[in-house]
Amino acid sequence: MGPGGGAGGTARGLESPELRRRRIRLGVLLAVLAVIAVVLAAITGSGDVAFGLATPGSSGPSPIRLPAAPTAWVLAVVALFIAAVHLWRGLGRWAGALFAVFGIAFVVTFICWAAAGKTFPLTNQIQGTLALSTPLILGALAGVLCERAGVINIAIEGQLLSGALAAAVVATVSGSFVVGALAAIVAGVFIAWLLAVFSIRYLVNQIVLGVVLVVFATGITGYLFDQLTALANGSARFNNPGTLQPIAVPVLSSIPVLGPTIFDQTALVYAMVVLVAVITVALYRTRWGLRVRAVGEHPRAAATVGIGVVRIRYQAVLLGGAVAGLGGAYFTIGSTGGFTKEMAAGNGFIALAAVIMGRWHPIGSTCAALFFGFTKALQGQLQVLATPIPTEVLQMTPYLLTVIAVAGAVGQVRPPRADGEPYVPE
């Protein structure tokens, strides 16, 4: 089967019944979105839509201006064509590229409708996407590490929260962002250790355990926060770490538009990029990664060739906790400069959705997390543009798109075979 087999096959005559059903399900979803794009194009107002290219507070390039209605119509037709082709026979080996084109066409059509006669700050959207995606990506990487070893990590939300509080308090007390980040890693590892001990040693149901750990982390971080801030001058003494300063990458930061937008970030963003590469190489290019994936697929068979299943699972879960704890640090020392209760705001669960949508692969999960970050940033931009969509609808849009995206992917992917299954050594 060709590379497009997972998306619906390369030709109708070569499809299995299951692949055909999957293609039709996804095709119907694309068709619905394409019809929405056509409706949006039909009601797009007159005038141009300007895509701002200057970063805030700078005099950058002039905005790119496009006629809103004609642009929306062209892109809506492109989306409708791709959906029709996929329904008819699948997109074959070009599926990945054409899905990306479909997504861009739909989003730009939506922006043309929402920002007709206005300026859409494109650089703000890119910066917002990167900022909102960083903790999602780190959380998703934690999920990939755990689930590739066969342990479901519902507790990502708790690991993010614990890391956020630890980073804020320790960075404030020590006056060092590095020490604060290390404290966040330790806090994330602690929650991961609880997950590992109860799921691997005591064989507790991993889904129930994950939910319990999220509730535990939410409660303990809220309690500690209240106790610390209740002390005399508590907020200044324990919750005033400040934020990391951006570090411009030489040469790359000088690239027009993209340079100051992408290559002038904090150390935590660069650490996230490095971790994506390191974890991908570790899982797919090292002996340890092969063992992790073997344990996640068939632990009994892995044990017969001398692989320590329990040890490997502990290692993967604790490493995942360290990565998620670093993601929590981004909320405080990387972004807001202080901790607030429940500030993870469901990002751990969205990160888990990114793991599923990304097919339990570090690169795929990163792309999915970027998609979710993009939708959250877009929601903020649309509020600023004062679109006719109610605020409540805008606030739920990222989560609705999360459900739609995962629903479109779940039928086409398979988790590690032993994911969530307890292992009892003989």
Protein backbone atom coordinates (compact mmCIF):
# COMPACT_ATOMS: atom_id res chain seq x y z
CA MET A 1 0.00 0.00 0.00
CA GLY A 2 1.29 3.48 -0.85
CA PRO A 3 2.08 6.22 1.59
CA GLY A 4 -1.44 7.52 1.35
CA GLY A 5 -2.93 4.24 2.54
CA GLY A 6 -3.52 5.53 6.04
CA ALA A 7 -5.48 8.48 4.66
CA GLY A 8 -7.73 6.47 2.43
CA GLY A 9 -5.64 4.49 -0.03
CA THR A 10 -4.23 5.31 -3.45
CA ALA A 11 -7.09 3.89 -5.48
CA ARG A 12 -10.57 2.71 -4.74
CA GLY A 13 -9.98 -0.73 -6.19
CA LEU A 14 -7.08 -1.40 -3.79
CA GLU A 15 -8.86 -0.31 -0.62
CA SER A 16 -9.91 -2.64 2.11
CA PRO A 17 -13.42 -2.07 3.50
CA GLU A 18 -11.95 -0.59 6.70
CA LEU A 19 -9.75 1.88 4.81
CA ARG A 20 -12.71 2.87 2.69
CA ARG A 21 -14.81 3.59 5.77
CA ARG A 22 -12.00 5.66 7.24
CA ARG A 23 -11.60 7.63 4.01
CA ILE A 24 -15.31 8.36 3.85
CA ARG A 25 -15.46 9.45 7.50
CA LEU A 26 -12.59 11.87 7.07
CA GLY A 27 -13.92 12.96 3.70
CA VAL A 28 -17.28 13.86 5.22
CA LEU A 29 -15.53 15.94 7.88
CA LEU A 30 -13.51 17.75 5.19
CA ALA A 31 -16.65 18.28 3.12
CA VAL A 32 -18.49 19.85 6.06
CA LEU A 33 -15.58 22.21 6.70
CA ALA A 34 -15.37 23.03 2.98
CA VAL A 35 -19.07 23.90 2.88
CA ILE A 36 -18.55 26.16 5.90
CA ALA A 37 -15.71 27.83 4.00
CA VAL A 38 -18.02 28.41 1.01
CA VAL A 39 -20.66 29.95 3.28
CA LEU A 40 -18.05 32.21 4.86
CA ALA A 41 -16.84 33.28 1.41
CA ALA A 42 -20.42 34.10 0.41
CA ILE A 43 -20.92 36.42 3.40
CA THR A 44 -17.45 38.00 3.39
CA GLY A 45 -17.69 41.78 3.30
CA SER A 46 -16.17 44.08 0.73
CA GLY A 47 -12.75 45.64 1.08
CA ASP A 48 -9.29 44.26 1.63
CA VAL A 49 -7.87 42.19 4.44
CA ALA A 50 -4.40 43.33 5.49
CA PHE A 51 -1.94 40.83 6.97
CA GLY A 52 0.36 42.80 9.28
CA LEU A 53 4.03 41.80 9.08
CA ALA A 54 5.55 44.20 11.61
CA THR A 55 6.30 43.04 15.14
CA PRO A 56 4.71 45.08 17.93
CA GLY A 57 6.54 48.36 18.56
CA SER A 58 8.62 48.18 15.37
CA SER A 59 8.38 49.61 11.88
CA GLY A 60 8.52 46.49 9.78
CA PRO A 61 7.40 45.69 6.23
CA SER A 62 4.12 47.04 4.94
CA PRO A 63 1.09 44.77 5.37
CA ILE A 64 0.11 42.38 2.60
CA ARG A 65 -3.30 43.42 1.30
CA LEU A 66 -5.65 40.99 -0.45
CA PRO A 67 -9.22 41.48 -1.67
CA ALA A 68 -11.18 39.71 1.05
CA ALA A 69 -14.14 38.26 -0.85
CA PRO A 70 -12.31 37.05 -4.02
CA THR A 71 -9.53 35.51 -1.92
CA ALA A 72 -12.06 33.75 0.29
CA TRP A 73 -13.91 32.37 -2.75
CA VAL A 74 -10.74 31.01 -4.38
CA LEU A 75 -9.59 29.30 -1.21
CA ALA A 76 -13.05 27.93 -0.42
CA VAL A 77 -13.20 26.34 -3.86
CA VAL A 78 -9.73 24.83 -3.31
CA ALA A 79 -10.91 23.34 0.00
CA LEU A 80 -14.08 22.00 -1.61
CA PHE A 81 -12.07 20.41 -4.44
CA ILE A 82 -9.69 18.66 -2.02
CA ALA A 83 -12.61 17.36 0.04
CA ALA A 84 -14.36 16.06 -3.09
CA VAL A 85 -11.23 14.29 -4.35
CA HIS A 86 -10.69 12.65 -0.98
CA LEU A 87 -14.28 11.44 -0.88
CA TRP A 88 -14.05 10.14 -4.44
CA ARG A 89 -10.81 8.16 -4.29
CA GLY A 90 -8.49 9.42 -1.57
CA LEU A 91 -5.51 11.73 -1.88
CA GLY A 92 -2.86 9.02 -2.27
CA ARG A 93 0.75 9.89 -1.61
CA TRP A 94 -0.02 13.60 -1.66
CA ALA A 95 -2.37 13.29 1.32
CA GLY A 96 -0.13 15.06 3.85
CA ALA A 97 0.59 18.04 1.62
CA LEU A 98 -3.02 18.38 0.47
CA PHE A 99 -4.36 18.19 4.02
CA ALA A 100 -1.98 21.05 4.89
CA VAL A 101 -3.26 23.03 1.89
CA PHE A 102 -6.83 22.34 2.97
CA GLY A 103 -6.12 23.58 6.49
CA ILE A 104 -4.43 26.75 5.25
CA ALA A 105 -7.25 27.41 2.78
CA PHE A 106 -9.92 27.02 5.46
CA VAL A 107 -8.10 29.19 8.01
CA VAL A 108 -7.32 31.99 5.55
CA THR A 109 -10.93 31.93 4.29
CA PHE A 110 -12.09 32.30 7.87
CA ILE A 111 -9.66 35.20 8.44
CA CYS A 112 -10.82 36.93 5.25
CA TRP A 113 -14.38 36.79 6.56
CA ALA A 114 -13.46 37.91 10.09
CA ALA A 115 -10.97 40.65 9.15
CA ALA A 116 -12.46 42.08 5.94
CA GLY A 117 -11.67 45.79 5.93
CA LYS A 118 -9.31 45.34 8.92
CA THR A 119 -5.70 44.39 9.64
CA PHE A 120 -4.93 40.89 10.87
CA PRO A 121 -1.62 40.97 12.83
CA LEU A 122 0.09 37.95 11.32
CA THR A 123 3.29 38.33 13.36
CA ASN A 124 1.24 38.44 16.57
CA GLN A 125 -0.45 35.23 15.49
CA ILE A 126 2.88 33.50 14.89
CA GLN A 127 4.33 34.66 18.20
CA GLY A 128 1.16 33.69 20.05
CA THR A 129 1.16 30.26 18.44
CA LEU A 130 4.72 29.60 19.54
CA ALA A 131 4.10 30.88 23.06
CA LEU A 132 0.92 28.88 23.58
CA SER A 133 2.33 25.76 21.93
CA THR A 134 5.53 25.47 23.99
CA PRO A 135 3.95 23.95 27.15
CA LEU A 136 1.66 21.85 24.94
CA ILE A 137 4.63 20.44 23.04
CA LEU A 138 6.55 19.65 26.23
CA GLY A 139 3.46 18.01 27.71
CA ALA A 140 2.92 16.02 24.51
CA LEU A 141 6.54 14.82 24.54
CA ALA A 142 5.99 13.60 28.11
CA GLY A 143 2.92 11.71 26.91
CA VAL A 144 4.83 10.15 24.02
CA LEU A 145 7.63 8.93 26.29
CA CYS A 146 5.19 7.34 28.72
CA GLU A 147 2.81 5.78 26.24
CA ARG A 148 5.55 4.42 24.00
CA ALA A 149 6.60 2.45 27.08
CA GLY A 150 3.03 1.30 27.72
CA VAL A 151 1.97 3.69 30.51
CA ILE A 152 -0.95 6.06 29.90
CA ASN A 153 -0.09 9.50 31.26
CA ILE A 154 -3.35 11.28 32.07
CA ALA A 155 -1.43 13.16 34.78
CA ILE A 156 0.29 15.61 32.39
CA GLU A 157 -1.92 18.40 33.71
CA GLY A 158 -0.74 17.72 37.25
CA GLN A 159 2.90 17.63 36.17
CA LEU A 160 2.52 21.00 34.44
CA LEU A 161 0.90 22.55 37.51
CA SER A 162 3.53 21.19 39.89
CA GLY A 163 6.35 22.41 37.66
CA ALA A 164 4.78 25.85 37.38
CA LEU A 165 4.52 26.34 41.15
CA ALA A 166 7.98 24.95 41.87
CA ALA A 167 9.59 27.16 39.24
CA ALA A 168 7.85 30.29 40.52
CA VAL A 169 8.65 29.75 44.18
CA VAL A 170 12.22 28.47 43.85
CA ALA A 171 13.20 31.04 41.20
CA THR A 172 11.84 33.80 43.44
CA VAL A 173 13.64 32.58 46.56
CA SER A 174 16.92 31.73 44.85
CA GLY A 175 16.91 34.57 42.35
CA SER A 176 17.96 32.11 39.64
CA PHE A 177 15.89 31.01 36.66
CA VAL A 178 18.13 27.96 36.22
CA VAL A 179 17.46 26.78 39.76
CA GLY A 180 13.76 27.45 39.25
CA ALA A 181 13.73 25.33 36.08
CA LEU A 182 15.53 22.51 37.89
CA ALA A 183 12.94 22.68 40.68
CA ALA A 184 10.19 22.42 38.07
CA ILE A 185 11.83 19.30 36.67
CA VAL A 186 12.01 17.77 40.15
CA ALA A 187 8.34 18.57 40.78
CA GLY A 188 7.32 17.00 37.48
CA VAL A 189 9.41 13.91 38.26
CA PHE A 190 7.71 13.61 41.68
CA ILE A 191 4.23 13.41 40.12
CA ALA A 192 5.61 11.01 37.49
CA TRP A 193 7.13 8.88 40.27
CA LEU A 194 3.71 8.57 41.90
CA LEU A 195 2.28 7.56 38.52
CA ALA A 196 5.05 5.00 38.01
CA VAL A 197 4.90 3.46 41.48
CA PHE A 198 1.15 2.99 41.58
CA SER A 199 0.71 1.92 37.95
CA ILE A 200 3.81 -0.23 37.46
CA ARG A 201 4.35 -1.69 40.92
CA TYR A 202 0.84 -1.76 42.36
CA LEU A 203 -0.95 -2.16 39.01
CA VAL A 204 -3.54 0.55 39.69
CA ASN A 205 -5.78 1.41 36.71
CA GLN A 206 -3.72 4.01 34.85
CA ILE A 207 -6.59 6.18 33.67
CA VAL A 208 -8.17 6.44 37.12
CA LEU A 209 -4.75 7.00 38.66
CA GLY A 210 -3.96 9.80 36.22
CA VAL A 211 -7.19 11.62 37.03
CA VAL A 212 -6.51 11.24 40.76
CA LEU A 213 -3.01 12.66 40.35
CA VAL A 214 -4.38 15.68 38.48
CA VAL A 215 -6.83 16.32 41.31
CA PHE A 216 -4.03 15.83 43.84
CA ALA A 217 -1.67 18.24 42.04
CA THR A 218 -4.44 20.82 41.65
CA GLY A 219 -5.26 20.63 45.34
CA ILE A 220 -1.70 20.61 46.69
CA THR A 221 -0.49 23.45 44.47
CA GLY A 222 -3.55 25.52 45.38
CA TYR A 223 -3.03 24.85 49.08
CA LEU A 224 0.68 25.66 49.03
CA PHE A 225 0.04 28.80 47.00
CA ASP A 226 -2.55 30.02 49.52
CA GLN A 227 -0.24 29.27 52.45
CA LEU A 228 2.73 31.05 50.94
CA THR A 229 0.85 34.14 49.79
CA ALA A 230 -0.91 34.39 53.18
CA LEU A 231 2.44 35.11 54.84
CA ALA A 232 3.58 38.68 55.31
CA ASN A 233 4.55 40.07 51.91
CA GLY A 234 4.13 36.51 50.63
CA SER A 235 3.56 37.31 46.96
CA ALA A 236 6.75 39.34 46.69
CA ARG A 237 8.78 36.78 48.68
CA PHE A 238 7.56 33.60 46.99
CA ASN A 239 5.75 34.42 43.76
CA ASN A 240 7.65 37.12 41.95
CA PRO A 241 10.21 35.31 39.78
CA GLY A 242 10.05 37.59 36.75
CA THR A 243 10.37 36.17 33.25
CA LEU A 244 13.23 34.98 31.13
CA GLN A 245 14.58 37.48 28.63
CA PRO A 246 14.49 36.59 24.92
CA ILE A 247 17.74 35.47 23.33
CA ALA A 248 18.19 36.45 19.68
CA VAL A 249 19.79 33.81 17.47
CA PRO A 250 22.63 35.42 15.50
CA VAL A 251 21.95 35.85 11.78
CA LEU A 252 18.59 34.04 11.91
CA SER A 253 16.99 36.76 14.02
CA SER A 254 17.84 39.25 11.27
CA ILE A 255 15.61 37.51 8.71
CA PRO A 256 12.76 39.90 7.80
CA VAL A 257 9.40 39.11 9.45
CA LEU A 258 10.28 35.57 10.63
CA GLY A 259 13.56 36.48 12.32
CA PRO A 260 12.32 38.64 15.19
CA THR A 261 9.13 36.58 15.40
CA ILE A 262 10.59 33.06 15.67
CA PHE A 263 14.31 33.39 16.39
CA ASP A 264 14.12 35.80 19.33
CA GLN A 265 12.71 33.57 22.07
CA THR A 266 13.46 32.55 25.64
CA ALA A 267 15.74 29.68 26.62
CA LEU A 268 12.75 27.46 27.41
CA VAL A 269 11.48 27.70 23.83
CA TYR A 270 14.89 26.73 22.49
CA ALA A 271 15.04 23.91 25.04
CA MET A 272 11.69 22.68 23.73
CA VAL A 273 13.05 22.55 20.17
CA VAL A 274 16.13 20.66 21.33
CA LEU A 275 14.02 18.19 23.31
CA VAL A 276 11.85 17.43 20.28
CA ALA A 277 14.96 16.49 18.32
CA VAL A 278 16.63 14.60 21.18
CA ILE A 279 13.55 12.55 22.07
CA THR A 280 12.90 11.71 18.42
CA VAL A 281 16.47 10.47 17.98
CA ALA A 282 16.41 8.66 21.32
CA LEU A 283 13.20 6.77 20.51
CA TYR A 284 13.99 5.86 16.90
CA ARG A 285 17.77 5.84 16.59
CA THR A 286 19.07 4.31 19.83
CA ARG A 287 19.02 0.93 21.52
CA TRP A 288 17.21 2.42 24.51
CA GLY A 289 14.48 3.77 22.25
CA LEU A 290 14.07 0.38 20.61
CA ARG A 291 13.63 -1.17 24.04
CA VAL A 292 11.07 1.46 25.06
CA ARG A 293 9.00 0.78 21.96
CA ALA A 294 9.36 -2.98 22.39
CA VAL A 295 8.10 -2.72 25.98
CA GLY A 296 5.14 -0.64 24.78
CA GLU A 297 4.26 -3.11 22.06
CA HIS A 298 4.84 -6.51 23.64
CA PRO A 299 6.37 -6.45 27.15
CA ARG A 300 6.26 -10.23 27.56
CA ALA A 301 8.26 -10.77 24.37
CA ALA A 302 10.67 -7.98 25.37
CA ALA A 303 11.27 -9.69 28.71
CA THR A 304 12.14 -12.98 27.01
CA VAL A 305 15.12 -11.34 25.26
CA GLY A 306 16.46 -9.85 28.49
CA ILE A 307 14.89 -6.40 28.50
CA GLY A 308 13.97 -5.15 31.97
CA VAL A 309 10.37 -4.15 31.32
CA VAL A 310 9.76 -2.59 34.73
CA ARG A 311 13.03 -0.67 34.64
CA ILE A 312 12.39 0.70 31.15
CA ARG A 313 8.87 1.79 32.08
CA TYR A 314 10.15 3.59 35.17
CA GLN A 315 12.79 5.36 33.11
CA ALA A 316 10.34 6.49 30.43
CA VAL A 317 7.73 7.72 32.91
CA LEU A 318 10.25 9.65 35.03
CA LEU A 319 11.82 11.22 31.93
CA GLY A 320 8.35 12.20 30.78
CA GLY A 321 7.73 13.84 34.15
CA ALA A 322 10.95 15.85 33.83
CA VAL A 323 9.91 17.14 30.40
CA ALA A 324 6.40 18.01 31.57
CA GLY A 325 7.79 19.78 34.64
CA LEU A 326 9.86 21.97 32.33
CA GLY A 327 6.68 22.71 30.42
CA GLY A 328 5.11 23.87 33.67
CA ALA A 329 8.05 26.21 34.25
CA TYR A 330 7.17 27.95 31.00
CA PHE A 331 3.86 29.11 32.46
CA THR A 332 5.62 31.07 35.21
CA ILE A 333 9.24 31.97 34.49
CA GLY A 334 8.78 31.75 30.72
CA SER A 335 5.53 33.63 30.27
CA THR A 336 3.48 35.22 33.05
CA GLY A 337 6.08 35.86 35.74
CA GLY A 338 4.01 34.36 38.55
CA PHE A 339 1.88 31.41 39.60
CA THR A 340 -1.91 31.38 39.81
CA LYS A 341 -4.10 28.49 40.86
CA GLU A 342 -5.05 26.05 38.08
CA MET A 343 -3.04 28.07 35.57
CA ALA A 344 -2.44 25.00 33.38
CA ALA A 345 -6.10 25.47 32.37
CA GLY A 346 -6.53 22.09 30.71
CA ASN A 347 -3.33 22.26 28.65
CA GLY A 348 -2.30 18.84 29.94
CA PHE A 349 -5.40 17.25 28.44
CA ILE A 350 -4.90 19.09 25.15
CA ALA A 351 -1.31 17.80 25.15
CA LEU A 352 -2.71 14.29 25.56
CA ALA A 353 -4.96 14.91 22.56
CA ALA A 354 -1.88 16.06 20.62
CA VAL A 355 -0.21 12.72 21.43
CA ILE A 356 -3.15 10.87 19.88
CA MET A 357 -3.44 13.14 16.88
CA GLY A 358 0.32 12.96 16.38
CA ARG A 359 0.23 9.15 16.28
CA TRP A 360 2.39 8.73 19.38
CA HIS A 361 5.37 10.20 17.51
CA PRO A 362 7.39 13.19 18.81
CA ILE A 363 7.29 15.08 15.50
CA GLY A 364 3.63 14.35 14.84
CA SER A 365 2.67 15.31 18.39
CA THR A 366 4.65 18.54 18.06
CA CYS A 367 2.78 19.43 14.87
CA ALA A 368 -0.54 18.66 16.55
CA ALA A 369 0.40 20.81 19.55
CA LEU A 370 1.31 23.65 17.18
CA PHE A 371 -2.13 23.29 15.59
CA PHE A 372 -3.84 23.56 18.96
CA GLY A 373 -1.64 26.51 19.91
CA PHE A 374 -2.56 28.19 16.63
CA THR A 375 -6.28 27.84 17.31
CA LYS A 376 -5.89 29.27 20.82
CA ALA A 377 -3.87 32.22 19.51
CA LEU A 378 -6.42 32.77 16.74
CA GLN A 379 -9.20 32.91 19.31
CA GLY A 380 -7.42 35.82 21.00
CA GLN A 381 -6.86 37.62 17.71
CA LEU A 382 -10.51 37.31 16.75
CA GLN A 383 -11.57 38.84 20.05
CA VAL A 384 -9.33 41.83 19.36
CA LEU A 385 -10.81 42.18 15.86
CA ALA A 386 -14.31 42.30 17.39
CA THR A 387 -15.79 39.65 15.12
CA PRO A 388 -19.55 38.97 15.32
CA ILE A 389 -18.89 35.58 16.93
CA PRO A 390 -19.88 35.60 20.64
CA THR A 391 -16.98 35.60 23.09
CA GLU A 392 -18.15 32.34 24.67
CA VAL A 393 -18.05 30.60 21.29
CA LEU A 394 -14.54 31.94 20.63
CA GLN A 395 -13.37 30.64 24.00
CA MET A 396 -14.64 27.12 23.32
CA THR A 397 -13.37 27.04 19.71
CA PRO A 398 -9.87 25.67 20.47
CA TYR A 399 -11.35 22.81 22.49
CA LEU A 400 -14.00 22.10 19.84
CA LEU A 401 -11.32 21.96 17.16
CA THR A 402 -9.32 19.66 19.43
CA VAL A 403 -12.23 17.21 19.55
CA ILE A 404 -12.79 17.44 15.78
CA ALA A 405 -9.11 16.96 15.00
CA VAL A 406 -8.73 13.96 17.29
CA ALA A 407 -11.99 12.45 16.03
CA GLY A 408 -10.65 12.70 12.50
CA ALA A 409 -7.39 10.98 13.46
CA VAL A 410 -8.42 8.32 15.97
CA GLY A 411 -9.84 5.98 13.36
CA GLN A 412 -6.60 6.01 11.38
CA VAL A 413 -3.99 5.38 14.04
CA ARG A 414 -3.13 2.67 16.55
CA PRO A 415 -1.61 3.26 19.98
CA PRO A 416 1.20 1.02 21.25
CA ARG A 417 -0.38 -2.40 21.72
CA ALA A 418 0.46 -2.66 25.42
CA ASP A 419 -0.48 0.95 26.21
CA GLY A 420 -2.27 0.94 29.56
CA GLU A 421 -1.78 -2.77 30.15
CA PRO A 422 -0.14 -3.74 33.47
CA TYR A 423 2.87 -6.03 33.37
CA VAL A 424 3.42 -8.69 36.00
CA PRO A 425 6.91 -10.26 35.89
CA GLU A 426 6.89 -14.02 35.94
